[in-house]
PDB file of N, CA and C in Angstrom:
ATOM      1  N   MET A   1      79.751 102.610  85.048  1.00  0.00           N
ATOM      2  CA  MET A   1      80.625 103.612  85.610  1.00  0.00           C
ATOM      3  C   MET A   1      81.842 102.906  86.205  1.00  0.00           C
ATOM      4  N   THR A   2      83.007 103.411  85.907  1.00  0.00           N
ATOM      5  CA  THR A   2      84.234 102.782  86.399  1.00  0.00           C
ATOM      6  C   THR A   2      84.621 103.344  87.754  1.00  0.00           C
ATOM      7  N   LEU A   3      85.540 102.664  88.391  1.00  0.00           N
ATOM      8  CA  LEU A   3      86.012 103.087  89.706  1.00  0.00           C
ATOM      9  C   LEU A   3      86.703 104.445  89.629  1.00  0.00           C
ATOM     10  N   VAL A   4      87.420 104.702  88.561  1.00  0.00           N
ATOM     11  CA  VAL A   4      88.130 105.966  88.401  1.00  0.00           C
ATOM     12  C   VAL A   4      87.142 107.124  88.318  1.00  0.00           C
ATOM     13  N   SER A   5      86.079 106.986  87.545  1.00  0.00           N
ATOM     14  CA  SER A   5      85.123 108.078  87.415  1.00  0.00           C
ATOM     15  C   SER A   5      84.361 108.315  88.718  1.00  0.00           C
ATOM     16  N   ARG A   6      84.089 107.257  89.491  1.00  0.00           N
ATOM     17  CA  ARG A   6      83.441 107.438  90.788  1.00  0.00           C
ATOM     18  C   ARG A   6      84.329 108.219  91.740  1.00  0.00           C
ATOM     19  N   SER A   7      85.615 107.905  91.760  1.00  0.00           N
ATOM     20  CA  SER A   7      86.504 108.611  92.677  1.00  0.00           C
ATOM     21  C   SER A   7      86.663 110.072  92.279  1.00  0.00           C
ATOM     22  N   SER A   8      86.656 110.395  90.990  1.00  0.00           N
ATOM     23  CA  SER A   8      86.772 111.788  90.583  1.00  0.00           C
ATOM     24  C   SER A   8      85.515 112.569  90.969  1.00  0.00           C
ATOM     25  N   TRP A   9      84.348 111.940  90.885  1.00  0.00           N
ATOM     26  CA  TRP A   9      83.111 112.609  91.313  1.00  0.00           C
ATOM     27  C   TRP A   9      83.103 112.799  92.820  1.00  0.00           C
ATOM     28  N   SER A  10      83.608 111.829  93.570  1.00  0.00           N
ATOM     29  CA  SER A  10      83.631 111.982  95.024  1.00  0.00           C
ATOM     30  C   SER A  10      84.606 113.081  95.426  1.00  0.00           C
ATOM     31  N   GLN A  11      85.698 113.254  94.700  1.00  0.00           N
ATOM     32  CA  GLN A  11      86.641 114.336  94.986  1.00  0.00           C
ATOM     33  C   GLN A  11      85.989 115.696  94.753  1.00  0.00           C
ATOM     34  N   PHE A  12      85.102 115.771  93.781  1.00  0.00           N
ATOM     35  CA  PHE A  12      84.395 117.018  93.465  1.00  0.00           C
ATOM     36  C   PHE A  12      83.563 117.490  94.655  1.00  0.00           C
ATOM     37  N   PHE A  13      83.016 116.570  95.427  1.00  0.00           N
ATOM     38  CA  PHE A  13      82.184 116.908  96.576  1.00  0.00           C
ATOM     39  C   PHE A  13      82.941 116.916  97.893  1.00  0.00           C
ATOM     40  N   GLU A  14      84.202 116.471  97.920  1.00  0.00           N
ATOM     41  CA  GLU A  14      84.928 116.327  99.181  1.00  0.00           C
ATOM     42  C   GLU A  14      86.211 117.138  99.285  1.00  0.00           C
ATOM     43  N   GLU A  15      86.740 117.655  98.176  1.00  0.00           N
ATOM     44  CA  GLU A  15      88.009 118.369  98.215  1.00  0.00           C
ATOM     45  C   GLU A  15      87.887 119.740  97.572  1.00  0.00           C
ATOM     46  N   PHE A  16      88.563 120.723  98.178  1.00  0.00           N
ATOM     47  CA  PHE A  16      88.604 122.067  97.611  1.00  0.00           C
ATOM     48  C   PHE A  16      89.767 122.160  96.636  1.00  0.00           C
ATOM     49  N   TYR A  17      89.534 122.851  95.538  1.00  0.00           N
ATOM     50  CA  TYR A  17      90.574 123.093  94.547  1.00  0.00           C
ATOM     51  C   TYR A  17      90.364 124.504  94.019  1.00  0.00           C
ATOM     52  N   CYS A  18      91.302 125.411  94.280  1.00  0.00           N
ATOM     53  CA  CYS A  18      91.176 126.803  93.853  1.00  0.00           C
ATOM     54  C   CYS A  18      91.304 126.906  92.336  1.00  0.00           C
ATOM     55  N   ARG A  19      90.383 127.621  91.719  1.00  0.00           N
ATOM     56  CA  ARG A  19      90.443 127.817  90.266  1.00  0.00           C
ATOM     57  C   ARG A  19      91.492 128.851  89.885  1.00  0.00           C
ATOM     58  N   GLY A  20      91.877 129.697  90.854  1.00  0.00           N
ATOM     59  CA  GLY A  20      92.854 130.744  90.571  1.00  0.00           C
ATOM     60  C   GLY A  20      94.291 130.253  90.581  1.00  0.00           C
ATOM     61  N   CYS A  21      94.661 129.491  91.638  1.00  0.00           N
ATOM     62  CA  CYS A  21      96.067 129.099  91.771  1.00  0.00           C
ATOM     63  C   CYS A  21      96.275 127.591  91.941  1.00  0.00           C
ATOM     64  N   GLY A  22      95.213 126.833  92.148  1.00  0.00           N
ATOM     65  CA  GLY A  22      95.345 125.391  92.279  1.00  0.00           C
ATOM     66  C   GLY A  22      95.599 124.903  93.692  1.00  0.00           C
ATOM     67  N   PHE A  23      95.622 125.814  94.673  1.00  0.00           N
ATOM     68  CA  PHE A  23      95.883 125.445  96.062  1.00  0.00           C
ATOM     69  C   PHE A  23      94.692 124.664  96.618  1.00  0.00           C
ATOM     70  N   GLN A  24      94.933 123.838  97.654  1.00  0.00           N
ATOM     71  CA  GLN A  24      93.865 122.981  98.144  1.00  0.00           C
ATOM     72  C   GLN A  24      93.393 123.315  99.556  1.00  0.00           C
ATOM     73  N   ASP A  25      93.864 124.413 100.162  1.00  0.00           N
ATOM     74  CA  ASP A  25      93.395 124.808 101.484  1.00  0.00           C
ATOM     75  C   ASP A  25      92.492 126.031 101.362  1.00  0.00           C
ATOM     76  N   ALA A  26      91.373 125.989 102.096  1.00  0.00           N
ATOM     77  CA  ALA A  26      90.423 127.095 102.061  1.00  0.00           C
ATOM     78  C   ALA A  26      89.900 127.369 103.457  1.00  0.00           C
ATOM     79  N   CYS A  27      89.477 128.607 103.680  1.00  0.00           N
ATOM     80  CA  CYS A  27      88.819 128.944 104.940  1.00  0.00           C
ATOM     81  C   CYS A  27      87.454 129.550 104.606  1.00  0.00           C
ATOM     82  N   ARG A  28      86.551 129.463 105.556  1.00  0.00           N
ATOM     83  CA  ARG A  28      85.218 130.024 105.347  1.00  0.00           C
ATOM     84  C   ARG A  28      85.335 131.535 105.217  1.00  0.00           C
ATOM     85  N   SER A  29      84.537 132.081 104.335  1.00  0.00           N
ATOM     86  CA  SER A  29      84.513 133.517 104.137  1.00  0.00           C
ATOM     87  C   SER A  29      83.188 134.065 104.658  1.00  0.00           C
ATOM     88  N   ARG A  30      83.200 135.287 105.111  1.00  0.00           N
ATOM     89  CA  ARG A  30      81.983 135.907 105.626  1.00  0.00           C
ATOM     90  C   ARG A  30      80.999 136.128 104.472  1.00  0.00           C
ATOM     91  N   PRO A  31      79.754 135.686 104.630  1.00  0.00           N
ATOM     92  CA  PRO A  31      78.774 135.883 103.557  1.00  0.00           C
ATOM     93  C   PRO A  31      78.437 137.356 103.367  1.00  0.00           C
ATOM     94  N   ARG A  32      78.268 137.755 102.111  1.00  0.00           N
ATOM     95  CA  ARG A  32      77.920 139.130 101.766  1.00  0.00           C
ATOM     96  C   ARG A  32      76.520 139.145 101.165  1.00  0.00           C
ATOM     97  N   GLY A  33      75.651 139.911 101.726  1.00  0.00           N
ATOM     98  CA  GLY A  33      74.338 140.132 101.137  1.00  0.00           C
ATOM     99  C   GLY A  33      73.342 138.999 101.357  1.00  0.00           C
ATOM    100  N   PHE A  34      72.128 139.252 100.893  1.00  0.00           N
ATOM    101  CA  PHE A  34      71.015 138.328 101.063  1.00  0.00           C
ATOM    102  C   PHE A  34      71.261 136.983 100.378  1.00  0.00           C
ATOM    103  N   PHE A  35      71.756 137.023  99.154  1.00  0.00           N
ATOM    104  CA  PHE A  35      71.969 135.796  98.382  1.00  0.00           C
ATOM    105  C   PHE A  35      72.900 134.836  99.099  1.00  0.00           C
ATOM    106  N   GLU A  36      74.032 135.332  99.572  1.00  0.00           N
ATOM    107  CA  GLU A  36      75.004 134.456 100.229  1.00  0.00           C
ATOM    108  C   GLU A  36      74.553 134.017 101.617  1.00  0.00           C
ATOM    109  N   ARG A  37      73.754 134.842 102.301  1.00  0.00           N
ATOM    110  CA  ARG A  37      73.288 134.471 103.641  1.00  0.00           C
ATOM    111  C   ARG A  37      72.116 133.511 103.619  1.00  0.00           C
ATOM    112  N   ARG A  38      71.178 133.702 102.688  1.00  0.00           N
ATOM    113  CA  ARG A  38      69.923 132.951 102.711  1.00  0.00           C
ATOM    114  C   ARG A  38      69.790 131.903 101.606  1.00  0.00           C
ATOM    115  N   VAL A  39      70.231 132.227 100.406  1.00  0.00           N
ATOM    116  CA  VAL A  39      70.015 131.335  99.260  1.00  0.00           C
ATOM    117  C   VAL A  39      71.066 130.238  99.177  1.00  0.00           C
ATOM    118  N   LEU A  40      72.335 130.565  99.366  1.00  0.00           N
ATOM    119  CA  LEU A  40      73.390 129.555  99.260  1.00  0.00           C
ATOM    120  C   LEU A  40      73.188 128.372 100.203  1.00  0.00           C
ATOM    121  N   PRO A  41      72.825 128.580 101.485  1.00  0.00           N
ATOM    122  CA  PRO A  41      72.580 127.414 102.348  1.00  0.00           C
ATOM    123  C   PRO A  41      71.447 126.518 101.848  1.00  0.00           C
ATOM    124  N   LEU A  42      70.441 127.094 101.208  1.00  0.00           N
ATOM    125  CA  LEU A  42      69.361 126.290 100.639  1.00  0.00           C
ATOM    126  C   LEU A  42      69.851 125.420  99.488  1.00  0.00           C
ATOM    127  N   LEU A  43      70.865 125.901  98.789  1.00  0.00           N
ATOM    128  CA  LEU A  43      71.456 125.158  97.668  1.00  0.00           C
ATOM    129  C   LEU A  43      72.603 124.258  98.119  1.00  0.00           C
ATOM    130  N   LEU A  44      72.823 124.185  99.442  1.00  0.00           N
ATOM    131  CA  LEU A  44      73.899 123.390 100.044  1.00  0.00           C
ATOM    132  C   LEU A  44      75.280 123.866  99.598  1.00  0.00           C
ATOM    133  N   LEU A  45      75.428 125.184  99.492  1.00  0.00           N
ATOM    134  CA  LEU A  45      76.702 125.785  99.113  1.00  0.00           C
ATOM    135  C   LEU A  45      77.207 126.663 100.249  1.00  0.00           C
ATOM    136  N   GLN A  46      78.523 126.898 100.281  1.00  0.00           N
ATOM    137  CA  GLN A  46      79.146 127.779 101.258  1.00  0.00           C
ATOM    138  C   GLN A  46      80.166 128.665 100.558  1.00  0.00           C
ATOM    139  N   VAL A  47      80.484 129.785 101.176  1.00  0.00           N
ATOM    140  CA  VAL A  47      81.464 130.723 100.620  1.00  0.00           C
ATOM    141  C   VAL A  47      82.803 130.441 101.283  1.00  0.00           C
ATOM    142  N   VAL A  48      83.833 130.220 100.465  1.00  0.00           N
ATOM    143  CA  VAL A  48      85.176 129.977 100.984  1.00  0.00           C
ATOM    144  C   VAL A  48      86.169 130.888 100.275  1.00  0.00           C
ATOM    145  N   ARG A  49      87.320 131.037 100.894  1.00  0.00           N
ATOM    146  CA  ARG A  49      88.394 131.852 100.327  1.00  0.00           C
ATOM    147  C   ARG A  49      89.670 131.029 100.325  1.00  0.00           C
ATOM    148  N   CYS A  50      90.396 131.056  99.219  1.00  0.00           N
ATOM    149  CA  CYS A  50      91.657 130.324  99.097  1.00  0.00           C
ATOM    150  C   CYS A  50      92.674 130.894 100.083  1.00  0.00           C
ATOM    151  N   GLU A  51      93.419 130.029 100.729  1.00  0.00           N
ATOM    152  CA  GLU A  51      94.422 130.463 101.700  1.00  0.00           C
ATOM    153  C   GLU A  51      95.633 131.118 101.036  1.00  0.00           C
ATOM    154  N   ARG A  52      95.905 130.802  99.785  1.00  0.00           N
ATOM    155  CA  ARG A  52      97.086 131.338  99.110  1.00  0.00           C
ATOM    156  C   ARG A  52      96.776 132.630  98.352  1.00  0.00           C
ATOM    157  N   CYS A  53      95.789 132.597  97.459  1.00  0.00           N
ATOM    158  CA  CYS A  53      95.539 133.764  96.602  1.00  0.00           C
ATOM    159  C   CYS A  53      94.311 134.572  97.017  1.00  0.00           C
ATOM    160  N   TYR A  54      93.574 134.132  98.056  1.00  0.00           N
ATOM    161  CA  TYR A  54      92.406 134.820  98.598  1.00  0.00           C
ATOM    162  C   TYR A  54      91.249 134.945  97.615  1.00  0.00           C
ATOM    163  N   HIS A  55      91.189 134.063  96.631  1.00  0.00           N
ATOM    164  CA  HIS A  55      90.079 134.037  95.678  1.00  0.00           C
ATOM    165  C   HIS A  55      88.836 133.488  96.370  1.00  0.00           C
ATOM    166  N   ARG A  56      87.705 134.210  96.300  1.00  0.00           N
ATOM    167  CA  ARG A  56      86.452 133.746  96.906  1.00  0.00           C
ATOM    168  C   ARG A  56      85.695 132.885  95.908  1.00  0.00           C
ATOM    169  N   SER A  57      85.074 131.834  96.414  1.00  0.00           N
ATOM    170  CA  SER A  57      84.264 130.988  95.543  1.00  0.00           C
ATOM    171  C   SER A  57      83.192 130.277  96.355  1.00  0.00           C
ATOM    172  N   TYR A  58      82.221 129.712  95.646  1.00  0.00           N
ATOM    173  CA  TYR A  58      81.149 128.937  96.259  1.00  0.00           C
ATOM    174  C   TYR A  58      81.463 127.462  96.056  1.00  0.00           C
ATOM    175  N   VAL A  59      81.404 126.695  97.127  1.00  0.00           N
ATOM    176  CA  VAL A  59      81.664 125.254  97.046  1.00  0.00           C
ATOM    177  C   VAL A  59      80.571 124.512  97.803  1.00  0.00           C
ATOM    178  N   TRP A  60      80.493 123.222  97.608  1.00  0.00           N
ATOM    179  CA  TRP A  60      79.515 122.392  98.303  1.00  0.00           C
ATOM    180  C   TRP A  60      79.760 122.433  99.804  1.00  0.00           C
ATOM    181  N   SER A  61      78.716 122.322 100.569  1.00  0.00           N
ATOM    182  CA  SER A  61      78.830 122.337 102.033  1.00  0.00           C
ATOM    183  C   SER A  61      79.537 121.103 102.567  1.00  0.00           C
ATOM    184  N   THR A  62      79.659 120.065 101.765  1.00  0.00           N
ATOM    185  CA  THR A  62      80.341 118.846 102.193  1.00  0.00           C
ATOM    186  C   THR A  62      81.853 118.994 102.189  1.00  0.00           C
ATOM    187  N   ILE A  63      82.373 120.036 101.550  1.00  0.00           N
ATOM    188  CA  ILE A  63      83.814 120.251 101.483  1.00  0.00           C
ATOM    189  C   ILE A  63      84.273 120.911 102.777  1.00  0.00           C
ATOM    190  N   PRO A  64      85.232 120.301 103.478  1.00  0.00           N
ATOM    191  CA  PRO A  64      85.694 120.900 104.736  1.00  0.00           C
ATOM    192  C   PRO A  64      86.502 122.168 104.474  1.00  0.00           C
ATOM    193  N   ALA A  65      86.256 123.173 105.310  1.00  0.00           N
ATOM    194  CA  ALA A  65      86.989 124.435 105.211  1.00  0.00           C
ATOM    195  C   ALA A  65      87.375 124.872 106.613  1.00  0.00           C
ATOM    196  N   LEU A  66      88.526 125.510 106.730  1.00  0.00           N
ATOM    197  CA  LEU A  66      88.988 126.007 108.025  1.00  0.00           C
ATOM    198  C   LEU A  66      88.078 127.133 108.498  1.00  0.00           C
ATOM    199  N   GLU A  67      87.942 127.275 109.805  1.00  0.00           N
ATOM    200  CA  GLU A  67      87.151 128.371 110.347  1.00  0.00           C
ATOM    201  C   GLU A  67      87.907 129.675 110.181  1.00  0.00           C
ATOM    202  N   ARG A  68      87.181 130.733 109.935  1.00  0.00           N
ATOM    203  CA  ARG A  68      87.752 132.052 109.746  1.00  0.00           C
ATOM    204  C   ARG A  68      88.220 132.602 111.083  1.00  0.00           C
ATOM    205  N   VAL A  69      89.428 133.184 111.120  1.00  0.00           N
ATOM    206  CA  VAL A  69      89.974 133.783 112.336  1.00  0.00           C
ATOM    207  C   VAL A  69      89.600 135.262 112.331  1.00  0.00           C
ATOM    208  N   PRO A  70      88.945 135.757 113.399  1.00  0.00           N
ATOM    209  CA  PRO A  70      88.577 137.180 113.447  1.00  0.00           C
ATOM    210  C   PRO A  70      89.797 138.086 113.343  1.00  0.00           C
ATOM    211  N   ALA A  71      89.620 139.276 112.772  1.00  0.00           N
ATOM    212  CA  ALA A  71      90.731 140.205 112.534  1.00  0.00           C
ATOM    213  C   ALA A  71      91.397 140.638 113.837  1.00  0.00           C
ATOM    214  N   ASP A  72      90.627 140.869 114.904  1.00  0.00           N
ATOM    215  CA  ASP A  72      91.236 141.304 116.155  1.00  0.00           C
ATOM    216  C   ASP A  72      92.100 140.200 116.759  1.00  0.00           C
ATOM    217  N   ARG A  73      91.746 138.952 116.547  1.00  0.00           N
ATOM    218  CA  ARG A  73      92.550 137.841 117.045  1.00  0.00           C
ATOM    219  C   ARG A  73      93.860 137.731 116.266  1.00  0.00           C
ATOM    220  N   LYS A  74      93.805 137.930 114.942  1.00  0.00           N
ATOM    221  CA  LYS A  74      95.020 137.900 114.130  1.00  0.00           C
ATOM    222  C   LYS A  74      95.996 138.971 114.594  1.00  0.00           C
ATOM    223  N   GLN A  75      95.482 140.166 114.877  1.00  0.00           N
ATOM    224  CA  GLN A  75      96.333 141.269 115.281  1.00  0.00           C
ATOM    225  C   GLN A  75      96.992 140.980 116.622  1.00  0.00           C
ATOM    226  N   SER A  76      96.236 140.435 117.581  1.00  0.00           N
ATOM    227  CA  SER A  76      96.822 140.155 118.889  1.00  0.00           C
ATOM    228  C   SER A  76      97.864 139.044 118.802  1.00  0.00           C
ATOM    229  N   GLU A  77      97.657 138.054 117.921  1.00  0.00           N
ATOM    230  CA  GLU A  77      98.642 136.990 117.740  1.00  0.00           C
ATOM    231  C   GLU A  77      99.925 137.529 117.139  1.00  0.00           C
ATOM    232  N   SER A  78      99.820 138.457 116.178  1.00  0.00           N
ATOM    233  CA  SER A  78     101.022 139.012 115.549  1.00  0.00           C
ATOM    234  C   SER A  78     101.784 139.893 116.531  1.00  0.00           C
ATOM    235  N   GLU A  79     101.071 140.567 117.434  1.00  0.00           N
ATOM    236  CA  GLU A  79     101.748 141.404 118.418  1.00  0.00           C
ATOM    237  C   GLU A  79     102.534 140.547 119.405  1.00  0.00           C
ATOM    238  N   THR A  80     101.976 139.423 119.832  1.00  0.00           N
ATOM    239  CA  THR A  80     102.690 138.555 120.766  1.00  0.00           C
ATOM    240  C   THR A  80     103.861 137.872 120.083  1.00  0.00           C
ATOM    241  N   ALA A  81     103.732 137.583 118.786  1.00  0.00           N
ATOM    242  CA  ALA A  81     104.828 136.947 118.060  1.00  0.00           C
ATOM    243  C   ALA A  81     105.985 137.923 117.857  1.00  0.00           C
ATOM    244  N   GLY A  82     105.657 139.225 117.684  1.00  0.00           N
ATOM    245  CA  GLY A  82     106.685 140.234 117.483  1.00  0.00           C
ATOM    246  C   GLY A  82     107.432 140.581 118.741  1.00  0.00           C
ATOM    247  N   GLY A  83     106.838 140.329 119.891  1.00  0.00           N
ATOM    248  CA  GLY A  83     107.524 140.567 121.147  1.00  0.00           C
ATOM    249  C   GLY A  83     107.236 141.919 121.767  1.00  0.00           C
ATOM    250  N   SER A  84     106.679 142.862 121.008  1.00  0.00           N
ATOM    251  CA  SER A  84     106.384 144.158 121.589  1.00  0.00           C
ATOM    252  C   SER A  84     105.128 144.724 120.966  1.00  0.00           C
ATOM    253  N   LYS A  85     104.435 145.551 121.723  1.00  0.00           N
ATOM    254  CA  LYS A  85     103.266 146.237 121.223  1.00  0.00           C
ATOM    255  C   LYS A  85     103.656 147.651 120.834  1.00  0.00           C
ATOM    256  N   SER A  86     102.790 148.335 120.130  1.00  0.00           N
ATOM    257  CA  SER A  86     103.109 149.679 119.673  1.00  0.00           C
ATOM    258  C   SER A  86     103.311 150.633 120.845  1.00  0.00           C
ATOM    259  N   GLY A  87     102.662 150.386 122.000  1.00  0.00           N
ATOM    260  CA  GLY A  87     102.827 151.230 123.163  1.00  0.00           C
ATOM    261  C   GLY A  87     104.141 151.003 123.882  1.00  0.00           C
ATOM    262  N   ASP A  88     104.855 149.928 123.573  1.00  0.00           N
ATOM    263  CA  ASP A  88     106.097 149.586 124.257  1.00  0.00           C
ATOM    264  C   ASP A  88     107.340 150.079 123.534  1.00  0.00           C
ATOM    265  N   ARG A  89     107.165 150.906 122.528  1.00  0.00           N
ATOM    266  CA  ARG A  89     108.329 151.378 121.761  1.00  0.00           C
ATOM    267  C   ARG A  89     109.171 152.328 122.600  1.00  0.00           C
ATOM    268  N   VAL A  90     110.457 152.219 122.422  1.00  0.00           N
ATOM    269  CA  VAL A  90     111.394 153.084 123.134  1.00  0.00           C
ATOM    270  C   VAL A  90     111.903 154.129 122.159  1.00  0.00           C
ATOM    271  N   ALA A  91     111.885 155.406 122.575  1.00  0.00           N
ATOM    272  CA  ALA A  91     112.287 156.489 121.681  1.00  0.00           C
ATOM    273  C   ALA A  91     113.768 156.641 121.592  1.00  0.00           C
TER     274      ALA A  91
END
């Protein structure tokens, strides 16, 4: 086995690569159903979502993925960035 083939195999277990758009950043996705909650961890797999195209896929647990931001936190961050809340509108 050559050094090049070893490094490509190590990339397979250490780096995320989206099959949809080729982007390399992913965040953890919420597991759906029994299979994703119970079976995937036994197979050392995790559910991730591409940051660019939102394609969901199963990847090895060794691949680092960003933590998922809860929806209510995203909304509060966007409100503070906008400078006003919906209740602060002037007629």
